């Protein structure tokens, strides 16, 4: 099934809706679950009823169905207890470090990198990206993410797979020049990672069919920068740590609450013909090949679109479509 959250003046957590497989219609299920967060907390009890609604909607038998307006959607989880982002595509990490002339520890290939990002305010799929200064080095990052139910501390990767309830797409907005100074401090990201955006809908793994294998999504992640195709690397290729491994890594010393979001990090392939999922990787390749980075970071008014299509060319999650805007004084 596919679930989403309508923006609401009455609730910061939005109103939950079931969305049709073709992303054209939806049904409000607020009477069954007040929020998507509460659905995750009581998944075994509510999933059968939501699945029944989904079936009726796809069969055209839902009398209370309405046309879906993606611009009215918040992030599937407008706020979350945890947003943990990894760097599962180690090739991407190696490239960026190489451009800075920094050696990459061998442990990066065996022990996942992960940071905790802002989760109390998550951007909807069509929300603007507010930034106060272009000099921060504004970048988009196309990623895949999962949402879990309650995960016990010390869970194995094999058992962690059972706790993955939904899959989404991500635009992990990054401020690259601020990141450089924060990395130098050696204490993690803060200002370099503002609010993150997520796809219109979150889908259960079964919606992906054969594309969901080995805890990975085996489909290209397509991004467009100012209307031009930027890259389409396959998310199932060169992913060193699959999602069950990432969930288990996050839960090694802590319990994960239902509604925890875990990201893959920037999707990246060793085969460069598919392009990149963020500007900094393209700039890195330019520098390695020519000695100079020529692609600029984002400016006010620039746009980004991130989407994933199935084998028939149908959008699975809907598209993240955003514009960078100048943020003034509060």
Protein backbone atom coordinates (compact mmCIF):
# COMPACT_ATOMS: atom_id res chain seq x y z
CA UNK A 1 0.00 0.00 0.00
CA UNK A 2 0.94 3.65 -0.31
CA UNK A 3 0.40 6.15 2.51
CA UNK A 4 0.83 9.91 2.73
CA UNK A 5 0.00 12.84 5.02
CA UNK A 6 -2.08 15.83 4.00
CA UNK A 7 -0.99 19.18 5.36
CA UNK A 8 -3.29 20.33 8.13
CA UNK A 9 -3.75 23.57 10.07
CA UNK A 10 -4.99 21.49 12.99
CA UNK A 11 -2.05 19.11 13.36
CA UNK A 12 1.70 19.30 12.84
CA UNK A 13 1.57 15.59 12.01
CA UNK A 14 -0.87 15.99 9.11
CA UNK A 15 -3.88 13.89 8.17
CA UNK A 16 -3.20 10.33 6.99
CA UNK A 17 -4.41 9.15 3.60
CA UNK A 18 -4.15 5.96 1.58
CA UNK A 19 -3.01 6.69 -1.99
CA UNK A 20 -3.79 4.67 -5.10
CA UNK A 21 -1.04 2.75 -6.85
CA UNK A 22 -1.17 5.19 -9.80
CA UNK A 23 -0.90 8.18 -7.41
CA UNK A 24 -4.05 9.76 -8.82
CA UNK A 25 -6.59 9.30 -6.02
CA UNK A 26 -6.65 8.95 -2.25
CA UNK A 27 -8.88 8.17 0.72
CA UNK A 28 -8.77 9.92 4.10
CA UNK A 29 -8.25 7.35 6.86
CA UNK A 30 -8.14 9.75 9.79
CA UNK A 31 -10.99 7.81 11.38
CA UNK A 32 -8.84 4.69 11.51
CA UNK A 33 -5.50 6.26 12.41
CA UNK A 34 -5.11 9.89 13.57
CA UNK A 35 -1.58 10.07 12.09
CA UNK A 36 0.85 7.90 10.18
CA UNK A 37 3.01 7.90 13.32
CA UNK A 38 0.24 6.24 15.29
CA UNK A 39 -0.26 3.71 12.51
CA UNK A 40 3.38 2.68 12.86
CA UNK A 41 3.01 2.37 16.61
CA UNK A 42 0.04 0.03 16.15
CA UNK A 43 0.90 -1.49 12.80
CA UNK A 44 -0.28 -5.06 13.36
CA UNK A 45 -3.71 -3.83 14.45
CA UNK A 46 -4.33 -1.24 11.70
CA UNK A 47 -2.48 -2.72 8.69
CA UNK A 48 -5.29 -5.12 7.65
CA UNK A 49 -7.88 -2.33 7.53
CA UNK A 50 -5.55 0.01 5.65
CA UNK A 51 -4.74 -2.75 3.19
CA UNK A 52 -8.45 -3.28 2.58
CA UNK A 53 -8.92 0.43 1.89
CA UNK A 54 -5.96 0.32 -0.50
CA UNK A 55 -7.48 -2.59 -2.41
CA UNK A 56 -10.84 -0.86 -2.73
CA UNK A 57 -9.16 2.33 -3.92
CA UNK A 58 -7.11 0.56 -6.60
CA UNK A 59 -10.22 -1.30 -7.76
CA UNK A 60 -12.11 1.98 -8.16
CA UNK A 61 -14.63 0.98 -5.48
CA UNK A 62 -13.82 3.56 -2.81
CA UNK A 63 -16.84 5.89 -2.68
CA UNK A 64 -15.01 8.56 -0.67
CA UNK A 65 -11.97 8.76 -2.97
CA UNK A 66 -10.73 12.19 -4.06
CA UNK A 67 -8.19 13.44 -6.59
CA UNK A 68 -4.68 13.64 -5.14
CA UNK A 69 -2.96 17.04 -5.17
CA UNK A 70 0.70 16.42 -4.42
CA UNK A 71 1.25 20.07 -3.51
CA UNK A 72 -1.05 19.60 -0.52
CA UNK A 73 1.10 16.84 0.93
CA UNK A 74 3.49 17.10 3.83
CA UNK A 75 6.30 14.62 4.27
CA UNK A 76 4.74 11.18 4.98
CA UNK A 77 6.02 11.77 8.52
CA UNK A 78 5.96 15.58 8.92
CA UNK A 79 8.15 15.11 12.00
CA UNK A 80 9.85 11.99 13.27
CA UNK A 81 11.41 10.76 16.48
CA UNK A 82 14.64 10.03 14.64
CA UNK A 83 16.13 10.76 11.21
CA UNK A 84 19.38 8.83 10.81
CA UNK A 85 21.27 9.10 7.55
CA UNK A 86 24.03 6.74 6.46
CA UNK A 87 26.61 6.62 3.67
CA UNK A 88 25.88 3.17 2.31
CA UNK A 89 27.37 3.98 -1.12
CA UNK A 90 30.97 4.03 0.05
CA UNK A 91 32.19 4.83 -3.44
CA UNK A 92 30.64 8.29 -3.02
CA UNK A 93 32.48 8.83 0.27
CA UNK A 94 35.77 7.70 -1.24
CA UNK A 95 35.40 10.07 -4.18
CA UNK A 96 34.69 13.12 -2.03
CA UNK A 97 37.59 12.38 0.31
CA UNK A 98 39.91 11.82 -2.64
CA UNK A 99 39.06 15.26 -4.00
CA UNK A 100 40.21 16.74 -0.67
CA UNK A 101 43.38 14.64 -0.70
CA UNK A 102 42.24 12.73 2.37
CA UNK A 103 42.83 8.99 2.78
CA UNK A 104 39.77 6.89 3.52
CA UNK A 105 40.05 4.45 6.43
CA UNK A 106 39.59 0.80 5.46
CA UNK A 107 36.92 0.51 8.17
CA UNK A 108 34.55 2.61 6.06
CA UNK A 109 33.97 -0.50 3.91
CA UNK A 110 33.01 -2.65 6.90
CA UNK A 111 31.43 -0.28 9.44
CA UNK A 112 28.62 2.07 8.26
CA UNK A 113 28.88 5.83 8.61
CA UNK A 114 25.74 7.41 10.06
CA UNK A 115 24.73 10.78 11.51
CA UNK A 116 21.59 12.01 13.26
CA UNK A 117 19.84 14.82 11.42
CA UNK A 118 17.06 17.28 12.16
CA UNK A 119 13.76 15.43 12.44
CA UNK A 120 11.38 17.82 14.21
CA UNK A 121 10.64 19.65 10.95
CA UNK A 122 10.67 17.68 7.70
CA UNK A 123 9.88 19.24 4.33
CA UNK A 124 7.02 18.12 2.09
CA UNK A 125 7.79 16.95 -1.45
CA UNK A 126 6.94 20.30 -3.05
CA UNK A 127 8.02 22.64 -0.25
CA UNK A 128 10.61 25.31 -1.00
CA UNK A 129 14.13 24.91 0.34
CA UNK A 130 14.74 28.00 2.53
CA UNK A 131 18.38 29.09 2.81
CA UNK A 132 19.64 32.43 4.07
CA UNK A 133 22.86 32.64 2.01
CA UNK A 134 23.95 31.16 -1.34
CA UNK A 135 27.54 31.19 -0.07
CA UNK A 136 26.76 28.16 2.11
CA UNK A 137 27.18 25.88 -0.93
CA UNK A 138 23.62 24.61 -1.42
CA UNK A 139 23.34 21.04 -2.70
CA UNK A 140 20.67 18.38 -3.13
CA UNK A 141 21.23 14.69 -2.41
CA UNK A 142 19.02 11.99 -3.90
CA UNK A 143 18.61 9.07 -1.53
CA UNK A 144 16.33 6.22 -0.50
CA UNK A 145 15.06 5.80 3.07
CA UNK A 146 13.09 3.33 5.16
CA UNK A 147 10.75 3.81 8.11
CA UNK A 148 10.74 1.26 10.92
CA UNK A 149 8.38 0.16 13.62
CA UNK A 150 9.76 -0.37 17.14
CA UNK A 151 13.21 -1.96 16.84
CA UNK A 152 14.84 -3.73 19.81
CA UNK A 153 18.38 -2.84 20.82
CA UNK A 154 20.97 -5.28 19.52
CA UNK A 155 18.76 -6.62 16.73
CA UNK A 156 20.50 -8.71 14.05
CA UNK A 157 20.47 -7.59 10.43
CA UNK A 158 18.35 -10.63 9.56
CA UNK A 159 15.70 -9.72 12.13
CA UNK A 160 15.99 -5.99 11.38
CA UNK A 161 14.50 -6.62 7.94
CA UNK A 162 11.18 -7.50 9.60
CA UNK A 163 11.00 -4.04 11.15
CA UNK A 164 11.13 -2.13 7.84
CA UNK A 165 7.56 -0.99 7.18
CA UNK A 166 7.90 1.72 4.52
CA UNK A 167 10.27 2.99 1.86
CA UNK A 168 10.55 6.62 0.66
CA UNK A 169 12.75 8.88 -1.45
CA UNK A 170 14.83 11.66 0.06
CA UNK A 171 16.33 15.01 -0.78
CA UNK A 172 18.96 15.39 1.93
CA UNK A 173 19.66 19.10 1.52
CA UNK A 174 23.30 19.90 2.33
CA UNK A 175 25.23 23.13 2.80
CA UNK A 176 28.64 22.02 1.60
CA UNK A 177 30.83 24.91 2.72
CA UNK A 178 29.40 24.76 6.23
CA UNK A 179 29.98 21.00 6.22
CA UNK A 180 33.70 21.48 5.61
CA UNK A 181 34.17 23.50 8.79
CA UNK A 182 31.99 21.16 10.84
CA UNK A 183 33.89 18.09 9.64
CA UNK A 184 37.13 19.80 10.64
CA UNK A 185 35.80 20.09 14.20
CA UNK A 186 35.36 16.32 14.31
CA UNK A 187 32.00 16.37 16.07
CA UNK A 188 29.42 15.75 13.34
CA UNK A 189 26.99 17.79 11.23
CA UNK A 190 24.60 20.41 12.55
CA UNK A 191 24.30 23.64 10.55
CA UNK A 192 25.32 21.90 7.31
CA UNK A 193 22.22 19.72 7.39
CA UNK A 194 19.00 21.79 7.38
CA UNK A 195 15.50 20.34 6.92
CA UNK A 196 15.24 17.24 4.74
CA UNK A 197 12.50 16.58 2.17
CA UNK A 198 10.76 13.28 1.47
CA UNK A 199 8.69 11.84 -1.36
CA UNK A 200 4.91 12.35 -1.57
CA UNK A 201 4.17 8.80 -0.47
CA UNK A 202 5.73 6.09 1.63
CA UNK A 203 5.22 2.59 0.21
CA UNK A 204 5.27 -0.84 1.81
CA UNK A 205 8.11 -3.03 0.48
CA UNK A 206 5.69 -5.36 -1.35
CA UNK A 207 4.73 -2.46 -3.66
CA UNK A 208 8.20 -2.70 -5.20
CA UNK A 209 7.81 -6.33 -6.20
CA UNK A 210 11.03 -7.86 -7.54
CA UNK A 211 12.80 -4.49 -7.26
CA UNK A 212 13.00 -5.00 -3.48
CA UNK A 213 15.70 -7.62 -3.08
CA UNK A 214 18.38 -8.22 -0.45
CA UNK A 215 17.22 -5.18 1.50
CA UNK A 216 17.90 -2.86 -1.44
CA UNK A 217 15.81 -1.06 -4.07
CA UNK A 218 17.05 -2.21 -7.48
CA UNK A 219 15.86 0.72 -9.59
CA UNK A 220 17.42 3.93 -10.93
CA UNK A 221 16.99 7.09 -8.86
CA UNK A 222 16.46 9.90 -11.35
CA UNK A 223 17.27 13.52 -10.56
CA UNK A 224 16.77 16.70 -12.59
CA UNK A 225 18.55 19.97 -11.90
CA UNK A 226 16.84 23.07 -13.32
CA UNK A 227 14.80 20.85 -15.63
CA UNK A 228 17.75 18.94 -17.08
CA UNK A 229 18.49 15.33 -16.25
CA UNK A 230 21.35 15.19 -13.79
CA UNK A 231 21.72 11.49 -13.06
CA UNK A 232 20.03 8.11 -12.74
CA UNK A 233 22.31 5.74 -10.80
CA UNK A 234 20.77 2.44 -9.76
CA UNK A 235 20.03 2.34 -6.03
CA UNK A 236 20.56 -1.42 -5.90
CA UNK A 237 24.06 -1.27 -7.34
CA UNK A 238 27.17 -0.49 -5.24
CA UNK A 239 25.15 -0.21 -2.02
CA UNK A 240 27.71 -1.68 0.37
CA UNK A 241 25.39 -1.78 3.41
CA UNK A 242 21.78 -2.79 2.78
CA UNK A 243 18.89 -1.39 4.83
CA UNK A 244 18.63 -4.25 7.34
CA UNK A 245 22.35 -3.77 8.06
CA UNK A 246 21.82 -0.03 8.54
CA UNK A 247 18.87 -0.60 10.89
CA UNK A 248 20.91 -3.09 12.92
CA UNK A 249 23.83 -0.64 13.04
CA UNK A 250 21.57 2.14 14.36
CA UNK A 251 20.08 -0.18 16.99
CA UNK A 252 23.38 -1.60 18.21
CA UNK A 253 23.29 0.35 21.49
CA UNK A 254 19.77 1.81 21.56
CA UNK A 255 16.12 1.02 20.93
CA UNK A 256 14.59 2.65 17.84
CA UNK A 257 11.09 4.03 18.24
CA UNK A 258 8.41 3.37 15.65
CA UNK A 259 8.68 6.11 13.06
CA UNK A 260 12.47 6.09 12.91
CA UNK A 261 13.67 7.06 9.42
CA UNK A 262 16.98 5.67 8.14
CA UNK A 263 18.50 6.96 4.91
CA UNK A 264 20.86 5.29 2.48
CA UNK A 265 23.06 8.29 1.81
CA UNK A 266 23.65 9.65 -1.69
CA UNK A 267 22.95 7.00 -4.32
CA UNK A 268 26.14 6.53 -6.33
CA UNK A 269 27.46 4.04 -8.89
CA UNK A 270 31.04 3.27 -9.83
CA UNK A 271 29.85 3.32 -13.44
CA UNK A 272 29.82 7.06 -14.16
CA UNK A 273 27.63 6.79 -17.27
CA UNK A 274 24.48 7.10 -15.14
CA UNK A 275 25.58 10.42 -13.64
CA UNK A 276 25.35 11.50 -10.01
CA UNK A 277 22.71 12.19 -7.35
CA UNK A 278 24.29 15.35 -5.93
CA UNK A 279 26.30 18.31 -7.14
CA UNK A 280 29.34 17.76 -4.95
CA UNK A 281 29.98 14.35 -6.51
CA UNK A 282 29.87 15.85 -9.99
CA UNK A 283 32.20 18.63 -8.87
CA UNK A 284 34.54 16.01 -7.42
CA UNK A 285 34.66 14.07 -10.69
CA UNK A 286 35.32 17.29 -12.59
CA UNK A 287 38.19 18.15 -10.29
CA UNK A 288 39.71 14.68 -10.55
CA UNK A 289 39.44 14.69 -14.35
CA UNK A 290 40.36 18.30 -15.20
CA UNK A 291 41.80 19.76 -12.01
CA UNK A 292 38.86 22.15 -11.54
CA UNK A 293 35.21 21.94 -10.39
CA UNK A 294 32.97 23.81 -12.82
CA UNK A 295 29.39 22.90 -11.88
CA UNK A 296 28.13 25.54 -9.42
CA UNK A 297 26.19 24.82 -6.28
CA UNK A 298 22.52 25.82 -6.20
CA UNK A 299 21.38 29.44 -6.33
CA UNK A 300 18.10 31.04 -5.30
CA UNK A 301 15.46 30.05 -7.86
CA UNK A 302 17.17 26.80 -8.84
CA UNK A 303 15.02 23.66 -8.88
CA UNK A 304 15.53 19.96 -8.26
CA UNK A 305 13.33 16.95 -9.03
CA UNK A 306 13.94 13.45 -7.65
CA UNK A 307 11.87 10.44 -8.72
CA UNK A 308 11.94 6.67 -9.18
CA UNK A 309 10.02 4.81 -11.89
CA UNK A 310 9.05 1.16 -12.07
CA UNK A 311 9.74 -1.13 -15.04
CA UNK A 312 6.64 0.24 -16.80
CA UNK A 313 7.69 3.86 -16.37
CA UNK A 314 5.18 4.55 -13.59
CA UNK A 315 6.24 6.80 -10.71
CA UNK A 316 6.37 4.74 -7.52
CA UNK A 317 6.75 7.35 -4.79
CA UNK A 318 5.75 10.48 -6.68
CA UNK A 319 8.32 13.18 -7.29
CA UNK A 320 10.15 15.48 -4.93
CA UNK A 321 10.06 18.86 -6.72
CA UNK A 322 11.59 21.80 -4.91
CA UNK A 323 12.92 25.31 -5.44
CA UNK A 324 15.63 27.07 -3.45
CA UNK A 325 14.37 30.34 -1.94
CA UNK A 326 16.01 33.05 0.12
CA UNK A 327 15.11 32.97 3.78
CA UNK A 328 14.89 36.36 5.42
CA UNK A 329 14.81 37.35 9.05
CA UNK A 330 12.43 35.39 11.31
